[in-house]
Amino acid sequence: MRMMPVFLGGLCITVVGAAVAPVHAEQTLVFGTYAFEKPTTTVRKLRPILDAVETELSNRAGRPFKIKMRVAKSYRAAIRDIIKGRVDFGRYGQATYVMARAANRKIKVIAVEGDQKKKSFRSVIAVRKGSDVFAVEGLAGKSFAFGNEYSTTGRYLPQAFLARHGITVGKLSQTAYLGRHDRVAWAVSDGAFDAGAMSEWVFQSAVAGGASLRPIAYFSSVTKPWLANDRLDGATRKLIREALIALQGVKVLDKIKKDCFLPGRDSDYDKARRAISDNWKFFQSDTAAEG
């Protein structure tokens, strides 16, 4: 029991009452990302994961946490959000991280998504079923669809892969950036483009949905990082990292085709850096390539 003084008309009266437990204010965090697929699909896949993170954070901290979502309209807007501190932490693509980190060296990798305990996954170069193309070299003279112009697996890595196999922009009849992997998959399936690049799970999802696609090549991509901006305090950043890594094999991770989170570091994204810095090779003229 707790003795509480009450002052009435200058007199102090002691009242016996129950002890009052301290009340912790709810801490709100803003989670940022951008639409890798349709914005509604992005929210549907990530909200259950964030709900699980909320619960884990609250249990570990002993106080309530609330996570709000901010889905940027473009890759460029997403980069600005994390650089300028409009979001506390978020899920971003590899190239987005490299660009954001170049602008603000204090941005940190909290954790990286794990695929069967690995930090890598496969992406696909696909053609329409019935196509006469069976190898990357056969794409000469064909049209090719990429995802977003800031995307790692939708642009930088496939362009690096094509350049290594002698296919530069000058050898393709047409190229275009369609914004999202799912748009690329269906554009190739519908015959609007001869080939395109997409993550393997988008490829599989499109095929399951009736898309007429066939893979002709695979290339490796590093998994997506979850980042914290430089304004997020170290203690909260550590709590988020621990909460993510604690989500081992939980069902909600199936929504992003991953099974865990792993500790991450800046060097995990050196391959993406090289693909970005060497991107000019895809756009060099055939004469320069031969020389």
C-alpha atoms as a PDB file:
ATOM      1  CA  MET A   1       0.000   0.000   0.000  1.00  0.00           C
ATOM      2  CA  ARG A   2       1.090   3.566  -0.628  1.00  0.00           C
ATOM      3  CA  MET A   3       0.561   6.639   1.664  1.00  0.00           C
ATOM      4  CA  MET A   4      -0.549   9.670  -0.365  1.00  0.00           C
ATOM      5  CA  PRO A   5      -0.763  13.221   1.080  1.00  0.00           C
ATOM      6  CA  VAL A   6      -3.809  15.281   0.130  1.00  0.00           C
ATOM      7  CA  PHE A   7      -3.956  19.022   0.919  1.00  0.00           C
ATOM      8  CA  LEU A   8      -7.382  20.450   1.824  1.00  0.00           C
ATOM      9  CA  GLY A   9      -7.754  24.031   3.023  1.00  0.00           C
ATOM     10  CA  GLY A  10      -4.186  24.156   4.261  1.00  0.00           C
ATOM     11  CA  LEU A  11      -4.521  20.836   6.131  1.00  0.00           C
ATOM     12  CA  CYS A  12      -2.512  17.805   5.095  1.00  0.00           C
ATOM     13  CA  ILE A  13      -4.499  14.557   5.248  1.00  0.00           C
ATOM     14  CA  THR A  14      -2.747  11.261   4.604  1.00  0.00           C
ATOM     15  CA  VAL A  15      -4.739   8.823   2.460  1.00  0.00           C
ATOM     16  CA  VAL A  16      -3.914   5.138   2.106  1.00  0.00           C
ATOM     17  CA  GLY A  17      -4.179   4.005  -1.517  1.00  0.00           C
ATOM     18  CA  ALA A  18      -2.953   1.358  -3.942  1.00  0.00           C
ATOM     19  CA  ALA A  19       0.481   1.757  -5.497  1.00  0.00           C
ATOM     20  CA  VAL A  20       0.349   3.223  -8.983  1.00  0.00           C
ATOM     21  CA  ALA A  21       2.477   1.442 -11.575  1.00  0.00           C
ATOM     22  CA  PRO A  22       4.488   3.677 -13.870  1.00  0.00           C
ATOM     23  CA  VAL A  23       2.928   4.158 -17.306  1.00  0.00           C
ATOM     24  CA  HIS A  24       5.282   4.014 -20.294  1.00  0.00           C
ATOM     25  CA  ALA A  25       4.399   6.183 -23.263  1.00  0.00           C
ATOM     26  CA  GLU A  26       4.033   4.377 -26.565  1.00  0.00           C
ATOM     27  CA  GLN A  27       6.995   4.941 -28.885  1.00  0.00           C
ATOM     28  CA  THR A  28       6.092   5.374 -32.530  1.00  0.00           C
ATOM     29  CA  LEU A  29       8.516   4.458 -35.306  1.00  0.00           C
ATOM     30  CA  VAL A  30       8.059   5.209 -38.998  1.00  0.00           C
ATOM     31  CA  PHE A  31       8.942   2.362 -41.354  1.00  0.00           C
ATOM     32  CA  GLY A  32       9.772   3.273 -44.927  1.00  0.00           C
ATOM     33  CA  THR A  33       9.860   1.360 -48.193  1.00  0.00           C
ATOM     34  CA  TYR A  34       8.664   1.723 -51.775  1.00  0.00           C
ATOM     35  CA  ALA A  35       6.415  -0.353 -53.984  1.00  0.00           C
ATOM     36  CA  PHE A  36       8.442  -3.297 -55.284  1.00  0.00           C
ATOM     37  CA  GLU A  37       5.103  -4.526 -56.635  1.00  0.00           C
ATOM     38  CA  LYS A  38       1.694  -2.845 -56.438  1.00  0.00           C
ATOM     39  CA  PRO A  39       1.529  -0.524 -53.402  1.00  0.00           C
ATOM     40  CA  THR A  40      -1.383  -2.522 -51.982  1.00  0.00           C
ATOM     41  CA  THR A  41       0.597  -5.746 -52.410  1.00  0.00           C
ATOM     42  CA  THR A  42       3.591  -4.166 -50.680  1.00  0.00           C
ATOM     43  CA  VAL A  43       1.465  -3.218 -47.665  1.00  0.00           C
ATOM     44  CA  ARG A  44      -0.255  -6.616 -47.558  1.00  0.00           C
ATOM     45  CA  LYS A  45       3.094  -8.419 -47.468  1.00  0.00           C
ATOM     46  CA  LEU A  46       4.962  -6.158 -45.045  1.00  0.00           C
ATOM     47  CA  ARG A  47       2.287  -5.186 -42.505  1.00  0.00           C
ATOM     48  CA  PRO A  48       2.138  -8.651 -40.868  1.00  0.00           C
ATOM     49  CA  ILE A  49       5.935  -8.628 -40.534  1.00  0.00           C
ATOM     50  CA  LEU A  50       5.848  -5.192 -38.930  1.00  0.00           C
ATOM     51  CA  ASP A  51       3.121  -6.370 -36.544  1.00  0.00           C
ATOM     52  CA  ALA A  52       5.431  -9.187 -35.451  1.00  0.00           C
ATOM     53  CA  VAL A  53       8.309  -6.706 -35.041  1.00  0.00           C
ATOM     54  CA  GLU A  54       6.057  -4.445 -32.941  1.00  0.00           C
ATOM     55  CA  THR A  55       5.273  -7.321 -30.594  1.00  0.00           C
ATOM     56  CA  GLU A  56       8.898  -8.405 -30.335  1.00  0.00           C
ATOM     57  CA  LEU A  57      10.099  -4.836 -29.747  1.00  0.00           C
ATOM     58  CA  SER A  58       7.510  -4.209 -27.040  1.00  0.00           C
ATOM     59  CA  ASN A  59       8.353  -7.453 -25.235  1.00  0.00           C
ATOM     60  CA  ARG A  60      12.080  -6.806 -25.325  1.00  0.00           C
ATOM     61  CA  ALA A  61      11.860  -3.148 -24.304  1.00  0.00           C
ATOM     62  CA  GLY A  62       9.157  -3.570 -21.678  1.00  0.00           C
ATOM     63  CA  ARG A  63       7.201  -0.690 -23.205  1.00  0.00           C
ATOM     64  CA  PRO A  64       4.803  -0.390 -26.148  1.00  0.00           C
ATOM     65  CA  PHE A  65       5.965   0.277 -29.690  1.00  0.00           C
ATOM     66  CA  LYS A  66       3.867   1.285 -32.684  1.00  0.00           C
ATOM     67  CA  ILE A  67       5.166   1.110 -36.268  1.00  0.00           C
ATOM     68  CA  LYS A  68       3.629   3.249 -39.003  1.00  0.00           C
ATOM     69  CA  MET A  69       4.257   2.577 -42.693  1.00  0.00           C
ATOM     70  CA  ARG A  70       5.367   5.109 -45.273  1.00  0.00           C
ATOM     71  CA  VAL A  71       5.365   3.728 -48.823  1.00  0.00           C
ATOM     72  CA  ALA A  72       7.212   6.054 -51.180  1.00  0.00           C
ATOM     73  CA  LYS A  73       5.866   6.602 -54.679  1.00  0.00           C
ATOM     74  CA  SER A  74       9.275   6.063 -56.281  1.00  0.00           C
ATOM     75  CA  TYR A  75      12.772   4.772 -55.605  1.00  0.00           C
ATOM     76  CA  ARG A  76      14.061   8.357 -55.657  1.00  0.00           C
ATOM     77  CA  ALA A  77      11.496   9.449 -53.064  1.00  0.00           C
ATOM     78  CA  ALA A  78      12.427   6.474 -50.897  1.00  0.00           C
ATOM     79  CA  ILE A  79      16.097   7.478 -51.007  1.00  0.00           C
ATOM     80  CA  ARG A  80      15.182  11.015 -49.926  1.00  0.00           C
ATOM     81  CA  ASP A  81      13.031   9.665 -47.070  1.00  0.00           C
ATOM     82  CA  ILE A  82      15.856   7.674 -45.467  1.00  0.00           C
ATOM     83  CA  ILE A  83      18.502  10.364 -46.104  1.00  0.00           C
ATOM     84  CA  LYS A  84      16.416  13.187 -44.653  1.00  0.00           C
ATOM     85  CA  GLY A  85      15.165  11.170 -41.678  1.00  0.00           C
ATOM     86  CA  ARG A  86      11.493  11.100 -42.679  1.00  0.00           C
ATOM     87  CA  VAL A  87      11.543   7.425 -41.746  1.00  0.00           C
ATOM     88  CA  ASP A  88      13.306   5.782 -38.814  1.00  0.00           C
ATOM     89  CA  PHE A  89      14.072   2.478 -40.493  1.00  0.00           C
ATOM     90  CA  GLY A  90      12.961   0.588 -43.545  1.00  0.00           C
ATOM     91  CA  ARG A  91      13.294  -2.091 -46.193  1.00  0.00           C
ATOM     92  CA  TYR A  92      15.110  -0.986 -49.327  1.00  0.00           C
ATOM     93  CA  GLY A  93      16.741  -2.394 -52.407  1.00  0.00           C
ATOM     94  CA  GLN A  94      20.458  -2.921 -52.696  1.00  0.00           C
ATOM     95  CA  ALA A  95      21.063  -0.056 -55.126  1.00  0.00           C
ATOM     96  CA  THR A  96      18.870   2.233 -53.033  1.00  0.00           C
ATOM     97  CA  TYR A  97      21.061   1.507 -50.028  1.00  0.00           C
ATOM     98  CA  VAL A  98      24.276   2.123 -51.984  1.00  0.00           C
ATOM     99  CA  MET A  99      22.970   5.479 -53.232  1.00  0.00           C
ATOM    100  CA  ALA A 100      21.586   6.521 -49.846  1.00  0.00           C
ATOM    101  CA  ARG A 101      24.815   5.520 -48.099  1.00  0.00           C
ATOM    102  CA  ALA A 102      26.855   7.546 -50.604  1.00  0.00           C
ATOM    103  CA  ALA A 103      24.771  10.600 -49.690  1.00  0.00           C
ATOM    104  CA  ASN A 104      24.754   9.932 -45.947  1.00  0.00           C
ATOM    105  CA  ARG A 105      27.550   7.748 -44.567  1.00  0.00           C
ATOM    106  CA  LYS A 106      25.781   7.456 -41.209  1.00  0.00           C
ATOM    107  CA  ILE A 107      22.937   5.304 -42.570  1.00  0.00           C
ATOM    108  CA  LYS A 108      23.289   1.832 -41.043  1.00  0.00           C
ATOM    109  CA  VAL A 109      22.379  -1.687 -42.126  1.00  0.00           C
ATOM    110  CA  ILE A 110      20.283  -3.112 -39.279  1.00  0.00           C
ATOM    111  CA  ALA A 111      19.909  -6.601 -40.739  1.00  0.00           C
ATOM    112  CA  VAL A 112      19.556  -8.354 -44.092  1.00  0.00           C
ATOM    113  CA  GLU A 113      16.884 -10.743 -45.238  1.00  0.00           C
ATOM    114  CA  GLY A 114      17.851 -14.403 -45.193  1.00  0.00           C
ATOM    115  CA  ASP A 115      16.933 -17.045 -47.761  1.00  0.00           C
ATOM    116  CA  GLN A 116      17.642 -20.506 -46.309  1.00  0.00           C
ATOM    117  CA  LYS A 117      20.167 -18.834 -43.998  1.00  0.00           C
ATOM    118  CA  LYS A 118      21.901 -17.167 -46.974  1.00  0.00           C
ATOM    119  CA  LYS A 119      22.211 -13.516 -47.967  1.00  0.00           C
ATOM    120  CA  SER A 120      21.637 -14.225 -51.641  1.00  0.00           C
ATOM    121  CA  PHE A 121      18.846 -15.255 -54.004  1.00  0.00           C
ATOM    122  CA  ARG A 122      18.443 -15.872 -57.715  1.00  0.00           C
ATOM    123  CA  SER A 123      17.045 -13.572 -60.352  1.00  0.00           C
ATOM    124  CA  VAL A 124      15.934 -14.561 -63.823  1.00  0.00           C
ATOM    125  CA  ILE A 125      16.240 -13.447 -67.397  1.00  0.00           C
ATOM    126  CA  ALA A 126      13.118 -14.806 -69.020  1.00  0.00           C
ATOM    127  CA  VAL A 127      11.555 -15.016 -72.463  1.00  0.00           C
ATOM    128  CA  ARG A 128       8.075 -15.962 -73.580  1.00  0.00           C
ATOM    129  CA  LYS A 129       7.353 -19.655 -74.008  1.00  0.00           C
ATOM    130  CA  GLY A 130       7.755 -20.480 -77.678  1.00  0.00           C
ATOM    131  CA  SER A 131      10.558 -17.933 -78.117  1.00  0.00           C
ATOM    132  CA  ASP A 132      13.447 -18.898 -80.383  1.00  0.00           C
ATOM    133  CA  VAL A 133      15.923 -17.541 -77.793  1.00  0.00           C
ATOM    134  CA  PHE A 134      17.566 -20.130 -75.524  1.00  0.00           C
ATOM    135  CA  ALA A 135      20.706 -18.291 -74.364  1.00  0.00           C
ATOM    136  CA  VAL A 136      21.654 -14.727 -73.479  1.00  0.00           C
ATOM    137  CA  GLU A 137      23.770 -14.412 -76.623  1.00  0.00           C
ATOM    138  CA  GLY A 138      20.601 -15.017 -78.639  1.00  0.00           C
ATOM    139  CA  LEU A 139      19.120 -11.730 -77.401  1.00  0.00           C
ATOM    140  CA  ALA A 140      20.988  -9.712 -80.052  1.00  0.00           C
ATOM    141  CA  GLY A 141      18.405  -7.841 -82.087  1.00  0.00           C
ATOM    142  CA  LYS A 142      15.656  -8.492 -79.503  1.00  0.00           C
ATOM    143  CA  SER A 143      13.790  -6.135 -77.167  1.00  0.00           C
ATOM    144  CA  PHE A 144      14.403  -6.214 -73.402  1.00  0.00           C
ATOM    145  CA  ALA A 145      12.390  -4.933 -70.431  1.00  0.00           C
ATOM    146  CA  PHE A 146      13.953  -3.830 -67.144  1.00  0.00           C
ATOM    147  CA  GLY A 147      12.287  -2.920 -63.853  1.00  0.00           C
ATOM    148  CA  ASN A 148      12.892   0.412 -62.173  1.00  0.00           C
ATOM    149  CA  GLU A 149      15.870   2.460 -63.332  1.00  0.00           C
ATOM    150  CA  TYR A 150      17.125   2.513 -59.705  1.00  0.00           C
ATOM    151  CA  SER A 151      16.598  -1.210 -59.114  1.00  0.00           C
ATOM    152  CA  THR A 152      19.472  -3.598 -58.437  1.00  0.00           C
ATOM    153  CA  THR A 153      17.876  -6.813 -59.689  1.00  0.00           C
ATOM    154  CA  GLY A 154      15.629  -4.974 -62.137  1.00  0.00           C
ATOM    155  CA  ARG A 155      18.381  -2.949 -63.776  1.00  0.00           C
ATOM    156  CA  TYR A 156      21.997  -2.843 -62.558  1.00  0.00           C
ATOM    157  CA  LEU A 157      22.740  -6.538 -62.078  1.00  0.00           C
ATOM    158  CA  PRO A 158      21.021  -7.760 -65.268  1.00  0.00           C
ATOM    159  CA  GLN A 159      22.683  -5.027 -67.313  1.00  0.00           C
ATOM    160  CA  ALA A 160      26.060  -6.061 -65.891  1.00  0.00           C
ATOM    161  CA  PHE A 161      25.226  -9.702 -66.686  1.00  0.00           C
ATOM    162  CA  LEU A 162      24.201  -8.867 -70.255  1.00  0.00           C
ATOM    163  CA  ALA A 163      27.341  -6.776 -70.833  1.00  0.00           C
ATOM    164  CA  ARG A 164      29.560  -9.660 -69.654  1.00  0.00           C
ATOM    165  CA  HIS A 165      27.902 -11.842 -72.286  1.00  0.00           C
ATOM    166  CA  GLY A 166      28.433  -9.320 -75.071  1.00  0.00           C
ATOM    167  CA  ILE A 167      24.899  -7.886 -75.096  1.00  0.00           C
ATOM    168  CA  THR A 168      25.054  -4.106 -74.794  1.00  0.00           C
ATOM    169  CA  VAL A 169      22.254  -1.632 -75.381  1.00  0.00           C
ATOM    170  CA  GLY A 170      23.339  -1.135 -78.987  1.00  0.00           C
ATOM    171  CA  LYS A 171      22.759  -4.824 -79.749  1.00  0.00           C
ATOM    172  CA  LEU A 172      19.165  -4.748 -78.509  1.00  0.00           C
ATOM    173  CA  SER A 173      16.350  -3.505 -80.721  1.00  0.00           C
ATOM    174  CA  GLN A 174      14.595  -1.763 -77.830  1.00  0.00           C
ATOM    175  CA  THR A 175      14.900  -1.333 -74.051  1.00  0.00           C
ATOM    176  CA  ALA A 176      12.516   0.127 -71.494  1.00  0.00           C
ATOM    177  CA  TYR A 177      12.116   0.541 -67.733  1.00  0.00           C
ATOM    178  CA  LEU A 178       8.687  -0.651 -66.648  1.00  0.00           C
ATOM    179  CA  GLY A 179       8.974   0.267 -62.978  1.00  0.00           C
ATOM    180  CA  ARG A 180       8.263  -3.080 -61.295  1.00  0.00           C
ATOM    181  CA  HIS A 181       9.274  -6.724 -61.675  1.00  0.00           C
ATOM    182  CA  ASP A 182       5.693  -7.932 -62.058  1.00  0.00           C
ATOM    183  CA  ARG A 183       5.128  -5.525 -64.960  1.00  0.00           C
ATOM    184  CA  VAL A 184       8.234  -6.906 -66.659  1.00  0.00           C
ATOM    185  CA  ALA A 185       7.017 -10.487 -66.233  1.00  0.00           C
ATOM    186  CA  TRP A 186       3.635  -9.812 -67.803  1.00  0.00           C
ATOM    187  CA  ALA A 187       5.036  -7.593 -70.565  1.00  0.00           C
ATOM    188  CA  VAL A 188       7.273 -10.474 -71.681  1.00  0.00           C
ATOM    189  CA  SER A 189       4.443 -12.987 -71.299  1.00  0.00           C
ATOM    190  CA  ASP A 190       2.122 -10.800 -73.391  1.00  0.00           C
ATOM    191  CA  GLY A 191       4.741 -10.425 -76.141  1.00  0.00           C
ATOM    192  CA  ALA A 192       5.339  -6.694 -75.653  1.00  0.00           C
ATOM    193  CA  PHE A 193       9.050  -7.472 -75.114  1.00  0.00           C
ATOM    194  CA  ASP A 194      11.175 -10.429 -76.147  1.00  0.00           C
ATOM    195  CA  ALA A 195      12.882 -10.774 -72.749  1.00  0.00           C
ATOM    196  CA  GLY A 196      13.139  -9.214 -69.331  1.00  0.00           C
ATOM    197  CA  ALA A 197      14.797  -9.428 -65.911  1.00  0.00           C
ATOM    198  CA  MET A 198      12.983 -10.151 -62.643  1.00  0.00           C
ATOM    199  CA  SER A 199      13.524 -11.827 -59.289  1.00  0.00           C
ATOM    200  CA  GLU A 200      12.936 -15.575 -59.337  1.00  0.00           C
ATOM    201  CA  TRP A 201      10.016 -15.402 -56.923  1.00  0.00           C
ATOM    202  CA  VAL A 202       8.239 -12.826 -59.107  1.00  0.00           C
ATOM    203  CA  PHE A 203       8.886 -15.116 -62.067  1.00  0.00           C
ATOM    204  CA  GLN A 204       7.413 -18.080 -60.181  1.00  0.00           C
ATOM    205  CA  SER A 205       4.437 -16.057 -58.986  1.00  0.00           C
ATOM    206  CA  ALA A 206       3.697 -14.847 -62.517  1.00  0.00           C
ATOM    207  CA  VAL A 207       3.935 -18.382 -63.934  1.00  0.00           C
ATOM    208  CA  ALA A 208       1.621 -19.627 -61.185  1.00  0.00           C
ATOM    209  CA  GLY A 209      -0.774 -16.875 -62.234  1.00  0.00           C
ATOM    210  CA  GLY A 210      -0.764 -18.040 -65.856  1.00  0.00           C
ATOM    211  CA  ALA A 211       2.132 -16.097 -67.386  1.00  0.00           C
ATOM    212  CA  SER A 212       3.777 -17.708 -70.407  1.00  0.00           C
ATOM    213  CA  LEU A 213       7.447 -17.486 -69.418  1.00  0.00           C
ATOM    214  CA  ARG A 214      10.628 -19.537 -69.747  1.00  0.00           C
ATOM    215  CA  PRO A 215      13.990 -18.794 -68.055  1.00  0.00           C
ATOM    216  CA  ILE A 216      17.132 -18.594 -70.196  1.00  0.00           C
ATOM    217  CA  ALA A 217      19.610 -17.472 -67.511  1.00  0.00           C
ATOM    218  CA  TYR A 218      19.972 -16.871 -63.783  1.00  0.00           C
ATOM    219  CA  PHE A 219      22.156 -14.419 -61.895  1.00  0.00           C
ATOM    220  CA  SER A 220      22.781 -14.031 -58.188  1.00  0.00           C
ATOM    221  CA  SER A 221      21.491 -11.094 -56.153  1.00  0.00           C
ATOM    222  CA  VAL A 222      22.210 -10.150 -52.547  1.00  0.00           C
ATOM    223  CA  THR A 223      19.131  -9.974 -50.337  1.00  0.00           C
ATOM    224  CA  LYS A 224      17.519  -6.677 -49.333  1.00  0.00           C
ATOM    225  CA  PRO A 225      18.842  -4.681 -46.373  1.00  0.00           C
ATOM    226  CA  TRP A 226      16.766  -3.158 -43.597  1.00  0.00           C
ATOM    227  CA  LEU A 227      18.243   0.233 -42.800  1.00  0.00           C
ATOM    228  CA  ALA A 228      18.202   2.812 -40.016  1.00  0.00           C
ATOM    229  CA  ASN A 229      18.703   6.513 -40.522  1.00  0.00           C
ATOM    230  CA  ASP A 230      21.361   8.359 -38.558  1.00  0.00           C
ATOM    231  CA  ARG A 231      18.826  10.037 -36.249  1.00  0.00           C
ATOM    232  CA  LEU A 232      17.621   6.776 -34.710  1.00  0.00           C
ATOM    233  CA  ASP A 233      19.329   6.276 -31.369  1.00  0.00           C
ATOM    234  CA  GLY A 234      21.681   3.339 -30.934  1.00  0.00           C
ATOM    235  CA  ALA A 235      19.588   1.619 -28.260  1.00  0.00           C
ATOM    236  CA  THR A 236      16.454   1.554 -30.435  1.00  0.00           C
ATOM    237  CA  ARG A 237      18.473   0.489 -33.461  1.00  0.00           C
ATOM    238  CA  LYS A 238      19.865  -2.432 -31.441  1.00  0.00           C
ATOM    239  CA  LEU A 239      16.351  -3.399 -30.308  1.00  0.00           C
ATOM    240  CA  ILE A 240      15.090  -3.435 -33.904  1.00  0.00           C
ATOM    241  CA  ARG A 241      18.040  -5.589 -34.997  1.00  0.00           C
ATOM    242  CA  GLU A 242      17.405  -8.073 -32.190  1.00  0.00           C
ATOM    243  CA  ALA A 243      13.676  -8.137 -32.931  1.00  0.00           C
ATOM    244  CA  LEU A 244      14.271  -8.869 -36.628  1.00  0.00           C
ATOM    245  CA  ILE A 245      16.848 -11.588 -36.013  1.00  0.00           C
ATOM    246  CA  ALA A 246      14.472 -13.189 -33.484  1.00  0.00           C
ATOM    247  CA  LEU A 247      11.927 -13.757 -36.283  1.00  0.00           C
ATOM    248  CA  GLN A 248      13.423 -17.096 -37.314  1.00  0.00           C
ATOM    249  CA  GLY A 249      11.192 -19.153 -39.578  1.00  0.00           C
ATOM    250  CA  VAL A 250       7.974 -17.363 -38.653  1.00  0.00           C
ATOM    251  CA  LYS A 251       5.101 -17.735 -41.090  1.00  0.00           C
ATOM    252  CA  VAL A 252       4.846 -14.024 -41.924  1.00  0.00           C
ATOM    253  CA  LEU A 253       8.261 -14.103 -43.622  1.00  0.00           C
ATOM    254  CA  ASP A 254       6.796 -16.393 -46.281  1.00  0.00           C
ATOM    255  CA  LYS A 255       5.144 -13.284 -47.688  1.00  0.00           C
ATOM    256  CA  ILE A 256       8.530 -11.961 -48.844  1.00  0.00           C
ATOM    257  CA  LYS A 257       9.867 -15.445 -49.713  1.00  0.00           C
ATOM    258  CA  LYS A 258      12.442 -15.353 -46.917  1.00  0.00           C
ATOM    259  CA  ASP A 259      12.874 -17.401 -43.743  1.00  0.00           C
ATOM    260  CA  CYS A 260      14.985 -15.256 -41.415  1.00  0.00           C
ATOM    261  CA  PHE A 261      16.989 -12.097 -40.862  1.00  0.00           C
ATOM    262  CA  LEU A 262      20.773 -12.144 -40.602  1.00  0.00           C
ATOM    263  CA  PRO A 263      23.352  -9.652 -39.321  1.00  0.00           C
ATOM    264  CA  GLY A 264      24.447  -7.385 -42.164  1.00  0.00           C
ATOM    265  CA  ARG A 265      27.319  -5.099 -43.001  1.00  0.00           C
ATOM    266  CA  ASP A 266      28.115  -2.498 -45.612  1.00  0.00           C
ATOM    267  CA  SER A 267      30.483  -4.794 -47.547  1.00  0.00           C
ATOM    268  CA  ASP A 268      27.581  -7.155 -48.326  1.00  0.00           C
ATOM    269  CA  TYR A 269      26.631  -4.643 -51.018  1.00  0.00           C
ATOM    270  CA  ASP A 270      29.980  -4.270 -52.780  1.00  0.00           C
ATOM    271  CA  LYS A 271      28.656  -6.297 -55.736  1.00  0.00           C
ATOM    272  CA  ALA A 272      25.825  -3.811 -56.152  1.00  0.00           C
ATOM    273  CA  ARG A 273      28.345  -0.946 -55.944  1.00  0.00           C
ATOM    274  CA  ARG A 274      30.424  -2.464 -58.727  1.00  0.00           C
ATOM    275  CA  ALA A 275      27.351  -2.997 -60.898  1.00  0.00           C
ATOM    276  CA  ILE A 276      26.388   0.645 -60.457  1.00  0.00           C
ATOM    277  CA  SER A 277      29.890   2.037 -61.050  1.00  0.00           C
ATOM    278  CA  ASP A 278      30.411  -0.210 -64.115  1.00  0.00           C
ATOM    279  CA  ASN A 279      26.949   0.395 -65.560  1.00  0.00           C
ATOM    280  CA  TRP A 280      28.465   2.463 -68.364  1.00  0.00           C
ATOM    281  CA  LYS A 281      29.720  -0.768 -69.915  1.00  0.00           C
ATOM    282  CA  PHE A 282      26.187  -1.754 -70.878  1.00  0.00           C
ATOM    283  CA  PHE A 283      25.751   1.588 -72.659  1.00  0.00           C
ATOM    284  CA  GLN A 284      29.092   1.729 -74.432  1.00  0.00           C
ATOM    285  CA  SER A 285      29.012   1.648 -78.221  1.00  0.00           C
ATOM    286  CA  ASP A 286      29.786  -1.585 -80.021  1.00  0.00           C
ATOM    287  CA  THR A 287      32.837   0.096 -81.540  1.00  0.00           C
ATOM    288  CA  ALA A 288      34.177   0.999 -78.108  1.00  0.00           C
ATOM    289  CA  ALA A 289      33.463  -2.509 -76.832  1.00  0.00           C
ATOM    290  CA  GLU A 290      35.400  -4.056 -79.701  1.00  0.00           C
ATOM    291  CA  GLY A 291      38.299  -1.647 -79.177  1.00  0.00           C
END
